[in-house]
Amino acid sequence: MNEIIWSSRCVKMLVFVTVLLSVCLSPTAQLKMLDKTQEPFFDVTANSVFTGQVGGRVFLSCAIYNLHNKSVSWIRERDGYILTVDRETFISDSRFFAVHSDTGLSDTWSLGINHVEDEDQGKYQCQVSAEEKLSRITELVVIHPQVTIQGGPDIHVKARSVVHLKCIISQTVDPPVYVTWFFNNKMLIDFTGADVSLSHSLTVSTSRLTLRDVDLVDAGNYTCQPAALPEATVTLHVVKPETVEIMEVTSAAETLMSLTALSLFSFIFYFI
């Protein structure tokens, strides 16, 4: 009788624990418990081509299902160099590092590269230490951001006019957070925000510097420096209006004198 009672209690306890686990564990956790016997595999629908800009930071990601406790390595294909194994970096170049995130259904291992260079372009292999070789190829494309100031390299304006300098930033992965303007290598500070602006579109970023009532002292080199990107410089030439008028009057007077001399010469030649 005691054995029957004990068996009944064990069954009830087992049912209670099963119900408790089903309530406490999320569907994701339950799925991972069921998948422990399955081999790891890659998420082939994930992006395999990544774009980085020179001087910036880029992450190459690799999503894996059923990874469990297996290690993940990142290998550079062009020379077969092992860059990272799990979170450990195996290359002396400190720009390379690994980042791990667990989404619940899968594990994502990313290869991070700081201060991207042209030489970093190419293919990289994400490899799982399974019984059979398991790897996925990703590719890094490196682009060069372009920074230009419209109207450069020389801009000529009249004194007392309003000048708008427009800096165009294109071919970037991420738009610049800020843009700094310099005049003859000295930073221009706009506390009001009325004279410097920064806007973004899908393909380009534009920074505008407004110079009001310019004079000869405003002539010089103006530099647009986006954050972590190359700079662009133009030379501003300021001409006073009276200088232009004197040049025009002088030119007209010289023309009149030339015509008078020609007429006088023709008259003398006629009577000779």
C-alpha atoms as a PDB file:
ATOM      1  CA  MET A   1       0.000   0.000   0.000  1.00  0.00           C
ATOM      2  CA  ASN A   2       2.800   2.391   0.910  1.00  0.00           C
ATOM      3  CA  GLU A   3       4.517   1.687  -2.427  1.00  0.00           C
ATOM      4  CA  ILE A   4       1.330   2.577  -4.319  1.00  0.00           C
ATOM      5  CA  ILE A   5       0.941   5.809  -2.338  1.00  0.00           C
ATOM      6  CA  TRP A   6       4.600   6.679  -2.965  1.00  0.00           C
ATOM      7  CA  SER A   7       4.296   5.991  -6.716  1.00  0.00           C
ATOM      8  CA  SER A   8       1.186   8.133  -6.878  1.00  0.00           C
ATOM      9  CA  ARG A   9       2.998  10.975  -5.176  1.00  0.00           C
ATOM     10  CA  CYS A  10       5.947  10.669  -7.592  1.00  0.00           C
ATOM     11  CA  VAL A  11       3.622  10.861 -10.584  1.00  0.00           C
ATOM     12  CA  LYS A  12       1.913  13.930  -9.152  1.00  0.00           C
ATOM     13  CA  MET A  13       5.306  15.544  -8.459  1.00  0.00           C
ATOM     14  CA  LEU A  14       6.480  14.819 -12.008  1.00  0.00           C
ATOM     15  CA  VAL A  15       3.308  16.332 -13.468  1.00  0.00           C
ATOM     16  CA  PHE A  16       3.729  19.378 -11.208  1.00  0.00           C
ATOM     17  CA  VAL A  17       7.354  19.920 -12.311  1.00  0.00           C
ATOM     18  CA  THR A  18       6.394  19.536 -15.996  1.00  0.00           C
ATOM     19  CA  VAL A  19       3.619  22.093 -15.653  1.00  0.00           C
ATOM     20  CA  LEU A  20       5.914  24.417 -13.715  1.00  0.00           C
ATOM     21  CA  LEU A  21       8.594  24.256 -16.420  1.00  0.00           C
ATOM     22  CA  SER A  22       6.066  24.882 -19.167  1.00  0.00           C
ATOM     23  CA  VAL A  23       4.853  27.981 -17.335  1.00  0.00           C
ATOM     24  CA  CYS A  24       8.212  29.362 -16.224  1.00  0.00           C
ATOM     25  CA  LEU A  25      10.221  28.686 -19.354  1.00  0.00           C
ATOM     26  CA  SER A  26       9.657  30.841 -22.414  1.00  0.00           C
ATOM     27  CA  PRO A  27       8.847  29.169 -25.744  1.00  0.00           C
ATOM     28  CA  THR A  28      12.364  30.085 -26.864  1.00  0.00           C
ATOM     29  CA  ALA A  29      13.928  28.309 -23.889  1.00  0.00           C
ATOM     30  CA  GLN A  30      11.744  25.261 -24.439  1.00  0.00           C
ATOM     31  CA  LEU A  31      12.760  25.202 -28.109  1.00  0.00           C
ATOM     32  CA  LYS A  32      16.448  25.355 -27.208  1.00  0.00           C
ATOM     33  CA  MET A  33      15.993  22.420 -24.799  1.00  0.00           C
ATOM     34  CA  LEU A  34      14.381  20.388 -27.587  1.00  0.00           C
ATOM     35  CA  ASP A  35      17.079  21.373 -30.118  1.00  0.00           C
ATOM     36  CA  LYS A  36      20.053  20.240 -28.037  1.00  0.00           C
ATOM     37  CA  THR A  37      20.513  17.155 -30.138  1.00  0.00           C
ATOM     38  CA  GLN A  38      20.531  19.033 -33.450  1.00  0.00           C
ATOM     39  CA  GLU A  39      23.637  20.170 -35.277  1.00  0.00           C
ATOM     40  CA  PRO A  40      24.369  23.904 -35.706  1.00  0.00           C
ATOM     41  CA  PHE A  41      23.483  25.616 -38.976  1.00  0.00           C
ATOM     42  CA  PHE A  42      23.731  29.148 -40.407  1.00  0.00           C
ATOM     43  CA  ASP A  43      20.938  31.560 -41.139  1.00  0.00           C
ATOM     44  CA  VAL A  44      21.423  31.621 -44.913  1.00  0.00           C
ATOM     45  CA  THR A  45      18.829  34.396 -45.302  1.00  0.00           C
ATOM     46  CA  ALA A  46      21.006  36.862 -43.369  1.00  0.00           C
ATOM     47  CA  ASN A  47      23.051  39.468 -45.188  1.00  0.00           C
ATOM     48  CA  SER A  48      26.497  38.283 -46.302  1.00  0.00           C
ATOM     49  CA  VAL A  49      27.815  41.479 -47.955  1.00  0.00           C
ATOM     50  CA  PHE A  50      28.710  44.423 -45.725  1.00  0.00           C
ATOM     51  CA  THR A  51      29.862  47.951 -46.549  1.00  0.00           C
ATOM     52  CA  GLY A  52      32.387  49.968 -44.545  1.00  0.00           C
ATOM     53  CA  GLN A  53      33.842  53.406 -45.137  1.00  0.00           C
ATOM     54  CA  VAL A  54      37.515  54.288 -44.868  1.00  0.00           C
ATOM     55  CA  GLY A  55      38.279  55.482 -41.342  1.00  0.00           C
ATOM     56  CA  GLY A  56      35.004  54.180 -39.917  1.00  0.00           C
ATOM     57  CA  ARG A  57      33.847  51.065 -38.052  1.00  0.00           C
ATOM     58  CA  VAL A  58      32.127  48.033 -39.565  1.00  0.00           C
ATOM     59  CA  PHE A  59      30.609  44.769 -38.290  1.00  0.00           C
ATOM     60  CA  LEU A  60      30.424  41.522 -40.282  1.00  0.00           C
ATOM     61  CA  SER A  61      27.689  39.358 -38.758  1.00  0.00           C
ATOM     62  CA  CYS A  62      27.138  35.622 -38.720  1.00  0.00           C
ATOM     63  CA  ALA A  63      23.887  34.140 -37.287  1.00  0.00           C
ATOM     64  CA  ILE A  64      23.975  30.502 -36.142  1.00  0.00           C
ATOM     65  CA  TYR A  65      21.225  28.196 -34.876  1.00  0.00           C
ATOM     66  CA  ASN A  66      21.842  25.385 -32.358  1.00  0.00           C
ATOM     67  CA  LEU A  67      25.325  26.657 -31.566  1.00  0.00           C
ATOM     68  CA  HIS A  68      25.236  25.539 -27.930  1.00  0.00           C
ATOM     69  CA  ASN A  69      28.793  25.666 -26.519  1.00  0.00           C
ATOM     70  CA  LYS A  70      30.674  25.391 -29.797  1.00  0.00           C
ATOM     71  CA  SER A  71      33.366  27.947 -30.674  1.00  0.00           C
ATOM     72  CA  VAL A  72      33.173  30.397 -33.568  1.00  0.00           C
ATOM     73  CA  SER A  73      36.208  31.672 -35.456  1.00  0.00           C
ATOM     74  CA  TRP A  74      36.652  34.499 -37.959  1.00  0.00           C
ATOM     75  CA  ILE A  75      39.239  33.856 -40.697  1.00  0.00           C
ATOM     76  CA  ARG A  76      40.534  36.246 -43.356  1.00  0.00           C
ATOM     77  CA  GLU A  77      40.315  34.416 -46.670  1.00  0.00           C
ATOM     78  CA  ARG A  78      43.146  36.107 -48.594  1.00  0.00           C
ATOM     79  CA  ASP A  79      45.831  34.823 -46.222  1.00  0.00           C
ATOM     80  CA  GLY A  80      43.972  32.252 -44.098  1.00  0.00           C
ATOM     81  CA  TYR A  81      44.812  34.221 -40.939  1.00  0.00           C
ATOM     82  CA  ILE A  82      42.719  33.415 -37.844  1.00  0.00           C
ATOM     83  CA  LEU A  83      41.510  36.781 -36.560  1.00  0.00           C
ATOM     84  CA  THR A  84      39.332  35.777 -33.596  1.00  0.00           C
ATOM     85  CA  VAL A  85      38.126  32.689 -31.755  1.00  0.00           C
ATOM     86  CA  ASP A  86      35.039  33.443 -29.714  1.00  0.00           C
ATOM     87  CA  ARG A  87      35.913  36.714 -27.924  1.00  0.00           C
ATOM     88  CA  GLU A  88      39.682  36.214 -28.131  1.00  0.00           C
ATOM     89  CA  THR A  89      41.661  38.160 -30.773  1.00  0.00           C
ATOM     90  CA  PHE A  90      44.524  36.206 -32.382  1.00  0.00           C
ATOM     91  CA  ILE A  91      46.010  38.958 -34.528  1.00  0.00           C
ATOM     92  CA  SER A  92      48.336  41.747 -33.403  1.00  0.00           C
ATOM     93  CA  ASP A  93      46.216  44.323 -35.246  1.00  0.00           C
ATOM     94  CA  SER A  94      44.072  45.728 -32.425  1.00  0.00           C
ATOM     95  CA  ARG A  95      41.505  47.033 -34.893  1.00  0.00           C
ATOM     96  CA  PHE A  96      39.902  43.568 -35.046  1.00  0.00           C
ATOM     97  CA  PHE A  97      37.575  42.263 -32.313  1.00  0.00           C
ATOM     98  CA  ALA A  98      34.605  39.917 -31.886  1.00  0.00           C
ATOM     99  CA  VAL A  99      31.149  40.607 -30.457  1.00  0.00           C
ATOM    100  CA  HIS A 100      28.534  38.046 -29.396  1.00  0.00           C
ATOM    101  CA  SER A 101      24.787  38.418 -28.959  1.00  0.00           C
ATOM    102  CA  ASP A 102      22.125  35.843 -28.142  1.00  0.00           C
ATOM    103  CA  THR A 103      18.732  36.474 -29.745  1.00  0.00           C
ATOM    104  CA  GLY A 104      17.157  33.488 -28.042  1.00  0.00           C
ATOM    105  CA  LEU A 105      16.578  31.442 -31.193  1.00  0.00           C
ATOM    106  CA  SER A 106      20.094  31.960 -32.524  1.00  0.00           C
ATOM    107  CA  ASP A 107      23.555  33.213 -31.658  1.00  0.00           C
ATOM    108  CA  THR A 108      25.110  36.063 -33.627  1.00  0.00           C
ATOM    109  CA  TRP A 109      28.870  36.415 -33.784  1.00  0.00           C
ATOM    110  CA  SER A 110      30.177  39.618 -35.375  1.00  0.00           C
ATOM    111  CA  LEU A 111      33.661  40.554 -36.502  1.00  0.00           C
ATOM    112  CA  GLY A 112      34.294  44.223 -35.748  1.00  0.00           C
ATOM    113  CA  ILE A 113      36.906  46.333 -37.537  1.00  0.00           C
ATOM    114  CA  ASN A 114      37.866  49.808 -36.341  1.00  0.00           C
ATOM    115  CA  HIS A 115      39.424  52.491 -38.574  1.00  0.00           C
ATOM    116  CA  VAL A 116      38.634  50.599 -41.772  1.00  0.00           C
ATOM    117  CA  GLU A 117      41.358  50.612 -44.449  1.00  0.00           C
ATOM    118  CA  ASP A 118      41.351  49.797 -48.175  1.00  0.00           C
ATOM    119  CA  GLU A 119      43.278  46.601 -47.452  1.00  0.00           C
ATOM    120  CA  ASP A 120      40.406  45.292 -45.321  1.00  0.00           C
ATOM    121  CA  GLN A 121      38.221  44.811 -48.383  1.00  0.00           C
ATOM    122  CA  GLY A 122      37.652  41.169 -49.266  1.00  0.00           C
ATOM    123  CA  LYS A 123      36.109  37.935 -48.021  1.00  0.00           C
ATOM    124  CA  TYR A 124      35.983  36.660 -44.437  1.00  0.00           C
ATOM    125  CA  GLN A 125      34.984  33.223 -43.193  1.00  0.00           C
ATOM    126  CA  CYS A 126      32.770  32.577 -40.175  1.00  0.00           C
ATOM    127  CA  GLN A 127      33.614  29.050 -38.980  1.00  0.00           C
ATOM    128  CA  VAL A 128      31.946  26.850 -36.355  1.00  0.00           C
ATOM    129  CA  SER A 129      33.963  24.149 -34.572  1.00  0.00           C
ATOM    130  CA  ALA A 130      31.518  21.337 -35.366  1.00  0.00           C
ATOM    131  CA  GLU A 131      32.359  17.670 -36.088  1.00  0.00           C
ATOM    132  CA  GLU A 132      32.079  18.479 -39.780  1.00  0.00           C
ATOM    133  CA  LYS A 133      33.537  21.746 -41.098  1.00  0.00           C
ATOM    134  CA  LEU A 134      30.842  24.394 -41.018  1.00  0.00           C
ATOM    135  CA  SER A 135      31.611  27.817 -42.463  1.00  0.00           C
ATOM    136  CA  ARG A 136      29.935  30.787 -44.137  1.00  0.00           C
ATOM    137  CA  ILE A 137      31.595  33.376 -46.389  1.00  0.00           C
ATOM    138  CA  THR A 138      30.937  37.085 -45.883  1.00  0.00           C
ATOM    139  CA  GLU A 139      32.339  39.954 -47.927  1.00  0.00           C
ATOM    140  CA  LEU A 140      33.434  43.460 -46.972  1.00  0.00           C
ATOM    141  CA  VAL A 141      33.213  46.306 -49.502  1.00  0.00           C
ATOM    142  CA  VAL A 142      35.193  49.450 -48.606  1.00  0.00           C
ATOM    143  CA  ILE A 143      34.088  52.845 -49.930  1.00  0.00           C
ATOM    144  CA  HIS A 144      35.699  56.303 -49.848  1.00  0.00           C
ATOM    145  CA  PRO A 145      33.589  59.183 -48.483  1.00  0.00           C
ATOM    146  CA  GLN A 146      33.664  62.285 -50.690  1.00  0.00           C
ATOM    147  CA  VAL A 147      33.759  65.817 -49.216  1.00  0.00           C
ATOM    148  CA  THR A 148      33.588  68.885 -51.504  1.00  0.00           C
ATOM    149  CA  ILE A 149      32.700  72.565 -51.192  1.00  0.00           C
ATOM    150  CA  GLN A 150      30.642  73.865 -54.109  1.00  0.00           C
ATOM    151  CA  GLY A 151      32.310  76.543 -56.214  1.00  0.00           C
ATOM    152  CA  GLY A 152      35.856  75.701 -55.113  1.00  0.00           C
ATOM    153  CA  PRO A 153      38.767  75.800 -55.080  1.00  0.00           C
ATOM    154  CA  ASP A 154      38.455  79.622 -55.502  1.00  0.00           C
ATOM    155  CA  ILE A 155      35.346  81.716 -54.868  1.00  0.00           C
ATOM    156  CA  HIS A 156      35.195  85.460 -55.736  1.00  0.00           C
ATOM    157  CA  VAL A 157      32.576  87.692 -54.078  1.00  0.00           C
ATOM    158  CA  LYS A 158      31.907  91.401 -53.658  1.00  0.00           C
ATOM    159  CA  ALA A 159      32.344  93.104 -50.306  1.00  0.00           C
ATOM    160  CA  ARG A 160      29.221  93.693 -48.194  1.00  0.00           C
ATOM    161  CA  SER A 161      27.492  90.694 -49.805  1.00  0.00           C
ATOM    162  CA  VAL A 162      26.100  87.561 -48.132  1.00  0.00           C
ATOM    163  CA  VAL A 163      28.057  84.376 -48.897  1.00  0.00           C
ATOM    164  CA  HIS A 164      26.742  80.822 -48.521  1.00  0.00           C
ATOM    165  CA  LEU A 165      29.402  78.099 -48.483  1.00  0.00           C
ATOM    166  CA  LYS A 166      27.920  74.652 -49.109  1.00  0.00           C
ATOM    167  CA  CYS A 167      29.824  71.490 -48.106  1.00  0.00           C
ATOM    168  CA  ILE A 168      28.580  68.255 -49.734  1.00  0.00           C
ATOM    169  CA  ILE A 169      29.358  64.897 -48.034  1.00  0.00           C
ATOM    170  CA  SER A 170      28.585  61.764 -50.085  1.00  0.00           C
ATOM    171  CA  GLN A 171      29.422  58.040 -50.310  1.00  0.00           C
ATOM    172  CA  THR A 172      29.119  57.439 -46.573  1.00  0.00           C
ATOM    173  CA  VAL A 173      27.728  54.463 -44.682  1.00  0.00           C
ATOM    174  CA  ASP A 174      26.656  56.607 -41.742  1.00  0.00           C
ATOM    175  CA  PRO A 175      26.107  60.386 -42.051  1.00  0.00           C
ATOM    176  CA  PRO A 176      28.455  62.584 -39.999  1.00  0.00           C
ATOM    177  CA  VAL A 177      27.170  63.499 -36.555  1.00  0.00           C
ATOM    178  CA  TYR A 178      28.592  67.004 -36.850  1.00  0.00           C
ATOM    179  CA  VAL A 179      30.640  69.221 -39.187  1.00  0.00           C
ATOM    180  CA  THR A 180      33.242  71.759 -38.042  1.00  0.00           C
ATOM    181  CA  TRP A 181      34.186  74.814 -40.110  1.00  0.00           C
ATOM    182  CA  PHE A 182      37.603  76.494 -39.941  1.00  0.00           C
ATOM    183  CA  PHE A 183      38.788  79.896 -41.180  1.00  0.00           C
ATOM    184  CA  ASN A 184      42.549  80.018 -41.811  1.00  0.00           C
ATOM    185  CA  ASN A 185      42.924  76.938 -39.549  1.00  0.00           C
ATOM    186  CA  LYS A 186      40.955  78.549 -36.687  1.00  0.00           C
ATOM    187  CA  MET A 187      37.693  76.962 -35.599  1.00  0.00           C
ATOM    188  CA  LEU A 188      34.542  78.960 -36.286  1.00  0.00           C
ATOM    189  CA  ILE A 189      32.109  78.755 -33.379  1.00  0.00           C
ATOM    190  CA  ASP A 190      28.441  79.490 -33.990  1.00  0.00           C
ATOM    191  CA  PHE A 191      26.732  79.685 -30.602  1.00  0.00           C
ATOM    192  CA  THR A 192      23.341  80.693 -32.029  1.00  0.00           C
ATOM    193  CA  GLY A 193      23.211  78.093 -34.787  1.00  0.00           C
ATOM    194  CA  ALA A 194      22.072  80.763 -37.234  1.00  0.00           C
ATOM    195  CA  ASP A 195      25.125  80.652 -39.489  1.00  0.00           C
ATOM    196  CA  VAL A 196      25.973  76.918 -39.579  1.00  0.00           C
ATOM    197  CA  SER A 197      23.540  74.119 -40.474  1.00  0.00           C
ATOM    198  CA  LEU A 198      23.694  70.376 -41.189  1.00  0.00           C
ATOM    199  CA  SER A 199      21.047  68.371 -43.042  1.00  0.00           C
ATOM    200  CA  HIS A 200      20.831  64.777 -44.317  1.00  0.00           C
ATOM    201  CA  SER A 201      19.103  63.076 -47.230  1.00  0.00           C
ATOM    202  CA  LEU A 202      19.158  59.468 -48.411  1.00  0.00           C
ATOM    203  CA  THR A 203      22.404  59.887 -50.374  1.00  0.00           C
ATOM    204  CA  VAL A 204      24.208  63.014 -49.144  1.00  0.00           C
ATOM    205  CA  SER A 205      24.711  65.273 -46.141  1.00  0.00           C
ATOM    206  CA  THR A 206      24.977  69.041 -46.556  1.00  0.00           C
ATOM    207  CA  SER A 207      26.572  71.586 -44.226  1.00  0.00           C
ATOM    208  CA  ARG A 208      26.072  75.299 -44.910  1.00  0.00           C
ATOM    209  CA  LEU A 209      28.146  78.181 -43.586  1.00  0.00           C
ATOM    210  CA  THR A 210      26.665  81.673 -43.963  1.00  0.00           C
ATOM    211  CA  LEU A 211      28.928  84.742 -43.992  1.00  0.00           C
ATOM    212  CA  ARG A 212      27.074  88.047 -43.722  1.00  0.00           C
ATOM    213  CA  ASP A 213      28.283  91.444 -44.930  1.00  0.00           C
ATOM    214  CA  VAL A 214      31.714  90.096 -45.889  1.00  0.00           C
ATOM    215  CA  ASP A 215      34.736  92.403 -46.009  1.00  0.00           C
ATOM    216  CA  LEU A 216      38.404  92.113 -46.922  1.00  0.00           C
ATOM    217  CA  VAL A 217      39.166  90.626 -43.491  1.00  0.00           C
ATOM    218  CA  ASP A 218      36.889  87.679 -44.357  1.00  0.00           C
ATOM    219  CA  ALA A 219      39.059  86.656 -47.305  1.00  0.00           C
ATOM    220  CA  GLY A 220      41.071  83.474 -46.794  1.00  0.00           C
ATOM    221  CA  ASN A 221      40.792  79.690 -46.568  1.00  0.00           C
ATOM    222  CA  TYR A 222      37.572  78.044 -45.344  1.00  0.00           C
ATOM    223  CA  THR A 223      37.665  74.360 -44.403  1.00  0.00           C
ATOM    224  CA  CYS A 224      34.766  71.933 -43.938  1.00  0.00           C
ATOM    225  CA  GLN A 225      35.678  69.063 -41.569  1.00  0.00           C
ATOM    226  CA  PRO A 226      32.980  66.370 -41.081  1.00  0.00           C
ATOM    227  CA  ALA A 227      33.431  64.135 -38.037  1.00  0.00           C
ATOM    228  CA  ALA A 228      35.889  61.276 -38.750  1.00  0.00           C
ATOM    229  CA  LEU A 229      35.943  62.099 -42.483  1.00  0.00           C
ATOM    230  CA  PRO A 230      38.288  63.892 -44.907  1.00  0.00           C
ATOM    231  CA  GLU A 231      38.202  67.694 -45.102  1.00  0.00           C
ATOM    232  CA  ALA A 232      37.626  70.113 -47.994  1.00  0.00           C
ATOM    233  CA  THR A 233      38.980  73.661 -48.372  1.00  0.00           C
ATOM    234  CA  VAL A 234      38.157  76.670 -50.576  1.00  0.00           C
ATOM    235  CA  THR A 235      39.790  80.092 -50.868  1.00  0.00           C
ATOM    236  CA  LEU A 236      37.443  83.073 -50.602  1.00  0.00           C
ATOM    237  CA  HIS A 237      38.465  86.258 -52.443  1.00  0.00           C
ATOM    238  CA  VAL A 238      36.667  89.485 -51.471  1.00  0.00           C
ATOM    239  CA  VAL A 239      36.692  92.442 -53.900  1.00  0.00           C
ATOM    240  CA  LYS A 240      35.465  95.903 -52.885  1.00  0.00           C
ATOM    241  CA  PRO A 241      32.735  97.379 -55.168  1.00  0.00           C
ATOM    242  CA  GLU A 242      34.675 100.631 -55.685  1.00  0.00           C
ATOM    243  CA  THR A 243      37.627  98.587 -56.931  1.00  0.00           C
ATOM    244  CA  VAL A 244      35.375  96.987 -59.522  1.00  0.00           C
ATOM    245  CA  GLU A 245      33.994 100.388 -60.539  1.00  0.00           C
ATOM    246  CA  ILE A 246      37.490 101.888 -60.897  1.00  0.00           C
ATOM    247  CA  MET A 247      38.520  98.916 -63.011  1.00  0.00           C
ATOM    248  CA  GLU A 248      35.447  99.373 -65.221  1.00  0.00           C
ATOM    249  CA  VAL A 249      36.016 103.167 -65.578  1.00  0.00           C
ATOM    250  CA  THR A 250      39.690 102.663 -66.333  1.00  0.00           C
ATOM    251  CA  SER A 251      38.858 100.070 -68.934  1.00  0.00           C
ATOM    252  CA  ALA A 252      36.304 102.399 -70.568  1.00  0.00           C
ATOM    253  CA  ALA A 253      38.730 105.330 -70.581  1.00  0.00           C
ATOM    254  CA  GLU A 254      41.449 103.230 -72.156  1.00  0.00           C
ATOM    255  CA  THR A 255      39.041 102.080 -74.860  1.00  0.00           C
ATOM    256  CA  LEU A 256      37.964 105.683 -75.597  1.00  0.00           C
ATOM    257  CA  MET A 257      41.576 106.847 -75.839  1.00  0.00           C
ATOM    258  CA  SER A 258      42.381 104.013 -78.221  1.00  0.00           C
ATOM    259  CA  LEU A 259      39.453 104.901 -80.471  1.00  0.00           C
ATOM    260  CA  THR A 260      40.389 108.631 -80.451  1.00  0.00           C
ATOM    261  CA  ALA A 261      43.979 107.892 -81.365  1.00  0.00           C
ATOM    262  CA  LEU A 262      42.859 105.606 -84.175  1.00  0.00           C
ATOM    263  CA  SER A 263      40.510 108.257 -85.566  1.00  0.00           C
ATOM    264  CA  LEU A 264      43.210 110.950 -85.415  1.00  0.00           C
ATOM    265  CA  PHE A 265      45.684 108.707 -87.197  1.00  0.00           C
ATOM    266  CA  SER A 266      43.131 107.947 -89.925  1.00  0.00           C
ATOM    267  CA  PHE A 267      42.408 111.693 -90.398  1.00  0.00           C
ATOM    268  CA  ILE A 268      46.097 112.568 -90.745  1.00  0.00           C
ATOM    269  CA  PHE A 269      46.699 109.675 -93.143  1.00  0.00           C
ATOM    270  CA  TYR A 270      43.766 110.848 -95.335  1.00  0.00           C
ATOM    271  CA  PHE A 271      45.244 114.347 -95.942  1.00  0.00           C
ATOM    272  CA  ILE A 272      48.796 113.168 -96.545  1.00  0.00           C
END
